[in-house]
Amino acid sequence: MRKSEDPCPAFPIPAGLNGRYIFRRRVHYRNLISRPLARALGTADPTVTCARAMILSARFTVVKANVDAMLEQGRALTGPEIAVLF
């Protein structure tokens, strides 16, 4: 597939084992913790991958906004709570 035919040019999604795709982001917590996050997308189809990546990206943004709001209210999150969120 040529770059111009990429069904999801906004999301650089690496292929994992056997051509399956993986969604990757890095979680930053108060500039102290930087933790990689990887989720298998369960498909080798680039079009399905794009749709799933967009959904996960939007969900990631919403969860991050909710966590930021909790922190502004003074609620401290523990490591296990952060891990469960993502």
PDB file of N, CA and C in Angstrom:
ATOM      1  N   MET A   1       0.842  -1.167   0.000  1.00  0.00           N
ATOM      2  CA  MET A   1       0.000   0.000   0.000  1.00  0.00           C
ATOM      3  C   MET A   1       0.893   1.239   0.000  1.00  0.00           C
ATOM      4  N   ARG A   2       0.652   2.130  -0.943  1.00  0.00           N
ATOM      5  CA  ARG A   2       1.417   3.376  -0.995  1.00  0.00           C
ATOM      6  C   ARG A   2       0.926   4.327   0.080  1.00  0.00           C
ATOM      7  N   LYS A   3       1.775   5.262   0.461  1.00  0.00           N
ATOM      8  CA  LYS A   3       1.441   6.223   1.508  1.00  0.00           C
ATOM      9  C   LYS A   3       0.163   6.990   1.180  1.00  0.00           C
ATOM     10  N   SER A   4      -0.047   7.344  -0.090  1.00  0.00           N
ATOM     11  CA  SER A   4      -1.239   8.092  -0.480  1.00  0.00           C
ATOM     12  C   SER A   4      -2.512   7.259  -0.322  1.00  0.00           C
ATOM     13  N   GLU A   5      -2.387   5.933  -0.260  1.00  0.00           N
ATOM     14  CA  GLU A   5      -3.542   5.055  -0.101  1.00  0.00           C
ATOM     15  C   GLU A   5      -3.783   4.677   1.354  1.00  0.00           C
ATOM     16  N   ASP A   6      -3.004   5.232   2.251  1.00  0.00           N
ATOM     17  CA  ASP A   6      -3.133   4.919   3.670  1.00  0.00           C
ATOM     18  C   ASP A   6      -4.529   5.321   4.146  1.00  0.00           C
ATOM     19  N   PRO A   7      -5.338   4.389   4.667  1.00  0.00           N
ATOM     20  CA  PRO A   7      -6.701   4.713   5.088  1.00  0.00           C
ATOM     21  C   PRO A   7      -6.751   5.564   6.355  1.00  0.00           C
ATOM     22  N   CYS A   8      -5.638   5.688   7.013  1.00  0.00           N
ATOM     23  CA  CYS A   8      -5.627   6.425   8.274  1.00  0.00           C
ATOM     24  C   CYS A   8      -4.319   7.218   8.412  1.00  0.00           C
ATOM     25  N   PRO A   9      -4.110   8.218   7.578  1.00  0.00           N
ATOM     26  CA  PRO A   9      -2.828   8.925   7.587  1.00  0.00           C
ATOM     27  C   PRO A   9      -2.557   9.704   8.865  1.00  0.00           C
ATOM     28  N   ALA A  10      -3.588  10.054   9.623  1.00  0.00           N
ATOM     29  CA  ALA A  10      -3.395  10.845  10.843  1.00  0.00           C
ATOM     30  C   ALA A  10      -2.870  10.016  12.010  1.00  0.00           C
ATOM     31  N   PHE A  11      -2.978   8.703  11.917  1.00  0.00           N
ATOM     32  CA  PHE A  11      -2.552   7.821  12.995  1.00  0.00           C
ATOM     33  C   PHE A  11      -1.446   6.892  12.516  1.00  0.00           C
ATOM     34  N   PRO A  12      -0.209   7.159  12.896  1.00  0.00           N
ATOM     35  CA  PRO A  12       0.857   6.216  12.537  1.00  0.00           C
ATOM     36  C   PRO A  12       0.774   4.989  13.444  1.00  0.00           C
ATOM     37  N   ILE A  13       0.197   3.922  12.926  1.00  0.00           N
ATOM     38  CA  ILE A  13      -0.060   2.734  13.732  1.00  0.00           C
ATOM     39  C   ILE A  13       0.865   1.610  13.281  1.00  0.00           C
ATOM     40  N   PRO A  14       1.774   1.190  14.139  1.00  0.00           N
ATOM     41  CA  PRO A  14       2.694   0.118  13.731  1.00  0.00           C
ATOM     42  C   PRO A  14       2.018  -1.248  13.695  1.00  0.00           C
ATOM     43  N   ALA A  15       2.448  -2.065  12.777  1.00  0.00           N
ATOM     44  CA  ALA A  15       1.951  -3.437  12.714  1.00  0.00           C
ATOM     45  C   ALA A  15       2.755  -4.282  13.685  1.00  0.00           C
ATOM     46  N   GLY A  16       2.079  -5.148  14.393  1.00  0.00           N
ATOM     47  CA  GLY A  16       2.737  -6.027  15.353  1.00  0.00           C
ATOM     48  C   GLY A  16       2.948  -7.398  14.751  1.00  0.00           C
ATOM     49  N   LEU A  17       2.784  -8.429  15.561  1.00  0.00           N
ATOM     50  CA  LEU A  17       2.955  -9.808  15.111  1.00  0.00           C
ATOM     51  C   LEU A  17       1.910 -10.186  14.068  1.00  0.00           C
ATOM     52  N   ASN A  18       2.340 -10.904  13.082  1.00  0.00           N
ATOM     53  CA  ASN A  18       1.460 -11.435  12.037  1.00  0.00           C
ATOM     54  C   ASN A  18       0.631 -10.350  11.346  1.00  0.00           C
ATOM     55  N   GLY A  19       1.156  -9.141  11.267  1.00  0.00           N
ATOM     56  CA  GLY A  19       0.458  -8.066  10.581  1.00  0.00           C
ATOM     57  C   GLY A  19      -0.682  -7.455  11.358  1.00  0.00           C
ATOM     58  N   ARG A  20      -0.860  -7.830  12.604  1.00  0.00           N
ATOM     59  CA  ARG A  20      -1.904  -7.235  13.445  1.00  0.00           C
ATOM     60  C   ARG A  20      -1.431  -5.866  13.905  1.00  0.00           C
ATOM     61  N   TYR A  21      -2.354  -4.942  14.107  1.00  0.00           N
ATOM     62  CA  TYR A  21      -1.990  -3.587  14.477  1.00  0.00           C
ATOM     63  C   TYR A  21      -2.080  -3.355  15.983  1.00  0.00           C
ATOM     64  N   ILE A  22      -1.280  -2.391  16.441  1.00  0.00           N
ATOM     65  CA  ILE A  22      -1.199  -2.068  17.870  1.00  0.00           C
ATOM     66  C   ILE A  22      -1.366  -0.564  18.045  1.00  0.00           C
ATOM     67  N   PHE A  23      -2.222  -0.168  18.971  1.00  0.00           N
ATOM     68  CA  PHE A  23      -2.410   1.247  19.328  1.00  0.00           C
ATOM     69  C   PHE A  23      -1.433   1.568  20.446  1.00  0.00           C
ATOM     70  N   ARG A  24      -0.620   2.597  20.260  1.00  0.00           N
ATOM     71  CA  ARG A  24       0.376   2.958  21.274  1.00  0.00           C
ATOM     72  C   ARG A  24       0.259   4.429  21.635  1.00  0.00           C
ATOM     73  N   ARG A  25       0.335   4.698  22.928  1.00  0.00           N
ATOM     74  CA  ARG A  25       0.399   6.059  23.456  1.00  0.00           C
ATOM     75  C   ARG A  25       1.316   6.021  24.668  1.00  0.00           C
ATOM     76  N   ARG A  26       1.754   7.173  25.084  1.00  0.00           N
ATOM     77  CA  ARG A  26       2.561   7.289  26.296  1.00  0.00           C
ATOM     78  C   ARG A  26       1.759   8.110  27.295  1.00  0.00           C
ATOM     79  N   VAL A  27       1.610   7.583  28.510  1.00  0.00           N
ATOM     80  CA  VAL A  27       0.859   8.254  29.561  1.00  0.00           C
ATOM     81  C   VAL A  27       1.840   9.046  30.416  1.00  0.00           C
ATOM     82  N   HIS A  28       1.583  10.350  30.529  1.00  0.00           N
ATOM     83  CA  HIS A  28       2.416  11.207  31.370  1.00  0.00           C
ATOM     84  C   HIS A  28       1.600  11.590  32.602  1.00  0.00           C
ATOM     85  N   TYR A  29       2.176  11.438  33.754  1.00  0.00           N
ATOM     86  CA  TYR A  29       1.499  11.764  35.003  1.00  0.00           C
ATOM     87  C   TYR A  29       2.337  12.774  35.770  1.00  0.00           C
ATOM     88  N   ARG A  30       1.861  14.012  35.787  1.00  0.00           N
ATOM     89  CA  ARG A  30       2.512  15.103  36.516  1.00  0.00           C
ATOM     90  C   ARG A  30       3.998  15.224  36.182  1.00  0.00           C
ATOM     91  N   ASN A  31       4.341  14.942  34.962  1.00  0.00           N
ATOM     92  CA  ASN A  31       5.727  15.028  34.482  1.00  0.00           C
ATOM     93  C   ASN A  31       6.709  14.190  35.295  1.00  0.00           C
ATOM     94  N   LEU A  32       6.209  13.245  36.078  1.00  0.00           N
ATOM     95  CA  LEU A  32       7.068  12.380  36.878  1.00  0.00           C
ATOM     96  C   LEU A  32       7.098  10.965  36.333  1.00  0.00           C
ATOM     97  N   ILE A  33       5.951  10.500  35.875  1.00  0.00           N
ATOM     98  CA  ILE A  33       5.830   9.130  35.398  1.00  0.00           C
ATOM     99  C   ILE A  33       5.514   9.175  33.904  1.00  0.00           C
ATOM    100  N   SER A  34       6.246   8.464  33.130  1.00  0.00           N
ATOM    101  CA  SER A  34       5.975   8.349  31.712  1.00  0.00           C
ATOM    102  C   SER A  34       5.882   6.861  31.418  1.00  0.00           C
ATOM    103  N   ARG A  35       4.676   6.406  31.174  1.00  0.00           N
ATOM    104  CA  ARG A  35       4.434   4.971  31.035  1.00  0.00           C
ATOM    105  C   ARG A  35       3.889   4.660  29.646  1.00  0.00           C
ATOM    106  N   PRO A  36       4.503   3.724  28.927  1.00  0.00           N
ATOM    107  CA  PRO A  36       3.954   3.368  27.612  1.00  0.00           C
ATOM    108  C   PRO A  36       2.665   2.556  27.752  1.00  0.00           C
ATOM    109  N   LEU A  37       1.759   2.782  26.835  1.00  0.00           N
ATOM    110  CA  LEU A  37       0.491   2.069  26.802  1.00  0.00           C
ATOM    111  C   LEU A  37       0.349   1.460  25.417  1.00  0.00           C
ATOM    112  N   ALA A  38       0.134   0.171  25.352  1.00  0.00           N
ATOM    113  CA  ALA A  38      -0.049  -0.508  24.064  1.00  0.00           C
ATOM    114  C   ALA A  38      -1.266  -1.418  24.153  1.00  0.00           C
ATOM    115  N   ARG A  39      -2.118  -1.334  23.154  1.00  0.00           N
ATOM    116  CA  ARG A  39      -3.306  -2.180  23.088  1.00  0.00           C
ATOM    117  C   ARG A  39      -3.397  -2.800  21.699  1.00  0.00           C
ATOM    118  N   ALA A  40      -3.592  -4.110  21.653  1.00  0.00           N
ATOM    119  CA  ALA A  40      -3.785  -4.794  20.376  1.00  0.00           C
ATOM    120  C   ALA A  40      -5.133  -4.390  19.811  1.00  0.00           C
ATOM    121  N   LEU A  41      -5.160  -4.088  18.525  1.00  0.00           N
ATOM    122  CA  LEU A  41      -6.414  -3.688  17.885  1.00  0.00           C
ATOM    123  C   LEU A  41      -7.190  -4.881  17.345  1.00  0.00           C
ATOM    124  N   GLY A  42      -6.574  -6.068  17.373  1.00  0.00           N
ATOM    125  CA  GLY A  42      -7.280  -7.296  17.013  1.00  0.00           C
ATOM    126  C   GLY A  42      -7.660  -7.409  15.548  1.00  0.00           C
ATOM    127  N   THR A  43      -6.909  -6.747  14.671  1.00  0.00           N
ATOM    128  CA  THR A  43      -7.211  -6.843  13.254  1.00  0.00           C
ATOM    129  C   THR A  43      -5.952  -6.623  12.427  1.00  0.00           C
ATOM    130  N   ALA A  44      -5.983  -7.131  11.207  1.00  0.00           N
ATOM    131  CA  ALA A  44      -4.914  -6.884  10.255  1.00  0.00           C
ATOM    132  C   ALA A  44      -5.433  -6.005   9.112  1.00  0.00           C
ATOM    133  N   ASP A  45      -6.703  -5.606   9.194  1.00  0.00           N
ATOM    134  CA  ASP A  45      -7.332  -4.774   8.171  1.00  0.00           C
ATOM    135  C   ASP A  45      -7.039  -3.297   8.454  1.00  0.00           C
ATOM    136  N   PRO A  46      -6.377  -2.588   7.543  1.00  0.00           N
ATOM    137  CA  PRO A  46      -6.029  -1.191   7.790  1.00  0.00           C
ATOM    138  C   PRO A  46      -7.234  -0.269   8.004  1.00  0.00           C
ATOM    139  N   THR A  47      -8.347  -0.543   7.324  1.00  0.00           N
ATOM    140  CA  THR A  47      -9.535   0.298   7.478  1.00  0.00           C
ATOM    141  C   THR A  47     -10.149   0.130   8.866  1.00  0.00           C
ATOM    142  N   VAL A  48     -10.270  -1.102   9.319  1.00  0.00           N
ATOM    143  CA  VAL A  48     -10.788  -1.374  10.662  1.00  0.00           C
ATOM    144  C   VAL A  48      -9.830  -0.804  11.703  1.00  0.00           C
ATOM    145  N   THR A  49      -8.533  -0.935  11.445  1.00  0.00           N
ATOM    146  CA  THR A  49      -7.524  -0.398  12.350  1.00  0.00           C
ATOM    147  C   THR A  49      -7.710   1.095  12.538  1.00  0.00           C
ATOM    148  N   CYS A  50      -7.929   1.802  11.454  1.00  0.00           N
ATOM    149  CA  CYS A  50      -8.107   3.250  11.510  1.00  0.00           C
ATOM    150  C   CYS A  50      -9.307   3.613  12.382  1.00  0.00           C
ATOM    151  N   ALA A  51     -10.421   2.937  12.179  1.00  0.00           N
ATOM    152  CA  ALA A  51     -11.625   3.228  12.961  1.00  0.00           C
ATOM    153  C   ALA A  51     -11.391   2.959  14.444  1.00  0.00           C
ATOM    154  N   ARG A  52     -10.768   1.843  14.751  1.00  0.00           N
ATOM    155  CA  ARG A  52     -10.511   1.510  16.154  1.00  0.00           C
ATOM    156  C   ARG A  52      -9.509   2.472  16.786  1.00  0.00           C
ATOM    157  N   ALA A  53      -8.509   2.880  16.015  1.00  0.00           N
ATOM    158  CA  ALA A  53      -7.514   3.826  16.533  1.00  0.00           C
ATOM    159  C   ALA A  53      -8.154   5.177  16.825  1.00  0.00           C
ATOM    160  N   MET A  54      -9.072   5.619  15.974  1.00  0.00           N
ATOM    161  CA  MET A  54      -9.750   6.895  16.223  1.00  0.00           C
ATOM    162  C   MET A  54     -10.600   6.821  17.486  1.00  0.00           C
ATOM    163  N   ILE A  55     -11.279   5.708  17.691  1.00  0.00           N
ATOM    164  CA  ILE A  55     -12.102   5.524  18.894  1.00  0.00           C
ATOM    165  C   ILE A  55     -11.219   5.530  20.141  1.00  0.00           C
ATOM    166  N   LEU A  56     -10.121   4.783  20.107  1.00  0.00           N
ATOM    167  CA  LEU A  56      -9.217   4.729  21.254  1.00  0.00           C
ATOM    168  C   LEU A  56      -8.566   6.081  21.519  1.00  0.00           C
ATOM    169  N   SER A  57      -8.228   6.801  20.476  1.00  0.00           N
ATOM    170  CA  SER A  57      -7.620   8.111  20.642  1.00  0.00           C
ATOM    171  C   SER A  57      -8.601   9.079  21.303  1.00  0.00           C
ATOM    172  N   ALA A  58      -9.852   9.052  20.873  1.00  0.00           N
ATOM    173  CA  ALA A  58     -10.872   9.909  21.484  1.00  0.00           C
ATOM    174  C   ALA A  58     -11.097   9.515  22.942  1.00  0.00           C
ATOM    175  N   ARG A  59     -11.159   8.235  23.211  1.00  0.00           N
ATOM    176  CA  ARG A  59     -11.345   7.744  24.580  1.00  0.00           C
ATOM    177  C   ARG A  59     -10.166   8.160  25.459  1.00  0.00           C
ATOM    178  N   PHE A  60      -8.972   8.068  24.915  1.00  0.00           N
ATOM    179  CA  PHE A  60      -7.760   8.460  25.627  1.00  0.00           C
ATOM    180  C   PHE A  60      -7.843   9.940  26.017  1.00  0.00           C
ATOM    181  N   THR A  61      -8.302  10.787  25.097  1.00  0.00           N
ATOM    182  CA  THR A  61      -8.424  12.222  25.350  1.00  0.00           C
ATOM    183  C   THR A  61      -9.447  12.499  26.455  1.00  0.00           C
ATOM    184  N   VAL A  62     -10.573  11.803  26.424  1.00  0.00           N
ATOM    185  CA  VAL A  62     -11.621  11.986  27.440  1.00  0.00           C
ATOM    186  C   VAL A  62     -11.124  11.551  28.815  1.00  0.00           C
ATOM    187  N   VAL A  63     -10.494  10.394  28.893  1.00  0.00           N
ATOM    188  CA  VAL A  63      -9.988   9.886  30.172  1.00  0.00           C
ATOM    189  C   VAL A  63      -8.932  10.834  30.729  1.00  0.00           C
ATOM    190  N   LYS A  64      -8.047  11.321  29.869  1.00  0.00           N
ATOM    191  CA  LYS A  64      -7.004  12.240  30.314  1.00  0.00           C
ATOM    192  C   LYS A  64      -7.618  13.528  30.863  1.00  0.00           C
ATOM    193  N   ALA A  65      -8.633  14.042  30.200  1.00  0.00           N
ATOM    194  CA  ALA A  65      -9.315  15.251  30.675  1.00  0.00           C
ATOM    195  C   ALA A  65      -9.971  15.005  32.036  1.00  0.00           C
ATOM    196  N   ASN A  66     -10.585  13.839  32.222  1.00  0.00           N
ATOM    197  CA  ASN A  66     -11.214  13.502  33.500  1.00  0.00           C
ATOM    198  C   ASN A  66     -10.177  13.395  34.619  1.00  0.00           C
ATOM    199  N   VAL A  67      -9.039  12.793  34.314  1.00  0.00           N
ATOM    200  CA  VAL A  67      -7.969  12.663  35.306  1.00  0.00           C
ATOM    201  C   VAL A  67      -7.431  14.043  35.669  1.00  0.00           C
ATOM    202  N   ASP A  68      -7.230  14.893  34.667  1.00  0.00           N
ATOM    203  CA  ASP A  68      -6.747  16.249  34.931  1.00  0.00           C
ATOM    204  C   ASP A  68      -7.724  17.006  35.830  1.00  0.00           C
ATOM    205  N   ALA A  69      -9.024  16.844  35.579  1.00  0.00           N
ATOM    206  CA  ALA A  69     -10.041  17.502  36.403  1.00  0.00           C
ATOM    207  C   ALA A  69      -9.997  16.995  37.842  1.00  0.00           C
ATOM    208  N   MET A  70      -9.818  15.677  38.020  1.00  0.00           N
ATOM    209  CA  MET A  70      -9.718  15.110  39.375  1.00  0.00           C
ATOM    210  C   MET A  70      -8.512  15.679  40.111  1.00  0.00           C
ATOM    211  N   LEU A  71      -7.412  15.797  39.398  1.00  0.00           N
ATOM    212  CA  LEU A  71      -6.192  16.314  40.017  1.00  0.00           C
ATOM    213  C   LEU A  71      -6.336  17.782  40.402  1.00  0.00           C
ATOM    214  N   GLU A  72      -7.043  18.543  39.586  1.00  0.00           N
ATOM    215  CA  GLU A  72      -7.279  19.958  39.909  1.00  0.00           C
ATOM    216  C   GLU A  72      -8.143  20.106  41.157  1.00  0.00           C
ATOM    217  N   GLN A  73      -9.011  19.139  41.405  1.00  0.00           N
ATOM    218  CA  GLN A  73      -9.869  19.166  42.596  1.00  0.00           C
ATOM    219  C   GLN A  73      -9.127  18.676  43.836  1.00  0.00           C
ATOM    220  N   GLY A  74      -7.886  18.261  43.656  1.00  0.00           N
ATOM    221  CA  GLY A  74      -7.085  17.821  44.797  1.00  0.00           C
ATOM    222  C   GLY A  74      -7.167  16.340  45.093  1.00  0.00           C
ATOM    223  N   ARG A  75      -7.835  15.578  44.253  1.00  0.00           N
ATOM    224  CA  ARG A  75      -7.936  14.134  44.482  1.00  0.00           C
ATOM    225  C   ARG A  75      -6.664  13.464  43.984  1.00  0.00           C
ATOM    226  N   ALA A  76      -6.027  12.724  44.854  1.00  0.00           N
ATOM    227  CA  ALA A  76      -4.797  12.009  44.484  1.00  0.00           C
ATOM    228  C   ALA A  76      -5.152  10.635  43.919  1.00  0.00           C
ATOM    229  N   LEU A  77      -4.547  10.289  42.803  1.00  0.00           N
ATOM    230  CA  LEU A  77      -4.764   8.982  42.201  1.00  0.00           C
ATOM    231  C   LEU A  77      -3.584   8.076  42.514  1.00  0.00           C
ATOM    232  N   THR A  78      -3.888   6.835  42.811  1.00  0.00           N
ATOM    233  CA  THR A  78      -2.829   5.863  43.074  1.00  0.00           C
ATOM    234  C   THR A  78      -2.389   5.225  41.754  1.00  0.00           C
ATOM    235  N   GLY A  79      -1.257   4.574  41.767  1.00  0.00           N
ATOM    236  CA  GLY A  79      -0.757   3.887  40.577  1.00  0.00           C
ATOM    237  C   GLY A  79      -1.746   2.875  40.007  1.00  0.00           C
ATOM    238  N   PRO A  80      -2.344   2.004  40.850  1.00  0.00           N
ATOM    239  CA  PRO A  80      -3.310   1.049  40.329  1.00  0.00           C
ATOM    240  C   PRO A  80      -4.544   1.716  39.711  1.00  0.00           C
ATOM    241  N   GLU A  81      -4.976   2.853  40.290  1.00  0.00           N
ATOM    242  CA  GLU A  81      -6.127   3.574  39.726  1.00  0.00           C
ATOM    243  C   GLU A  81      -5.786   4.107  38.330  1.00  0.00           C
ATOM    244  N   ILE A  82      -4.589   4.604  38.178  1.00  0.00           N
ATOM    245  CA  ILE A  82      -4.167   5.123  36.873  1.00  0.00           C
ATOM    246  C   ILE A  82      -4.108   3.994  35.854  1.00  0.00           C
ATOM    247  N   ALA A  83      -3.556   2.852  36.259  1.00  0.00           N
ATOM    248  CA  ALA A  83      -3.446   1.705  35.357  1.00  0.00           C
ATOM    249  C   ALA A  83      -4.813   1.218  34.906  1.00  0.00           C
ATOM    250  N   VAL A  84      -5.803   1.222  35.795  1.00  0.00           N
ATOM    251  CA  VAL A  84      -7.155   0.758  35.466  1.00  0.00           C
ATOM    252  C   VAL A  84      -7.825   1.699  34.478  1.00  0.00           C
ATOM    253  N   LEU A  85      -7.546   2.994  34.577  1.00  0.00           N
ATOM    254  CA  LEU A  85      -8.155   3.961  33.681  1.00  0.00           C
ATOM    255  C   LEU A  85      -7.823   3.677  32.227  1.00  0.00           C
ATOM    256  N   PHE A  86      -6.627   3.212  31.981  1.00  0.00           N
ATOM    257  CA  PHE A  86      -6.194   2.995  30.613  1.00  0.00           C
ATOM    258  C   PHE A  86      -6.173   1.523  30.277  1.00  0.00           C
TER     259      PHE A  86
END
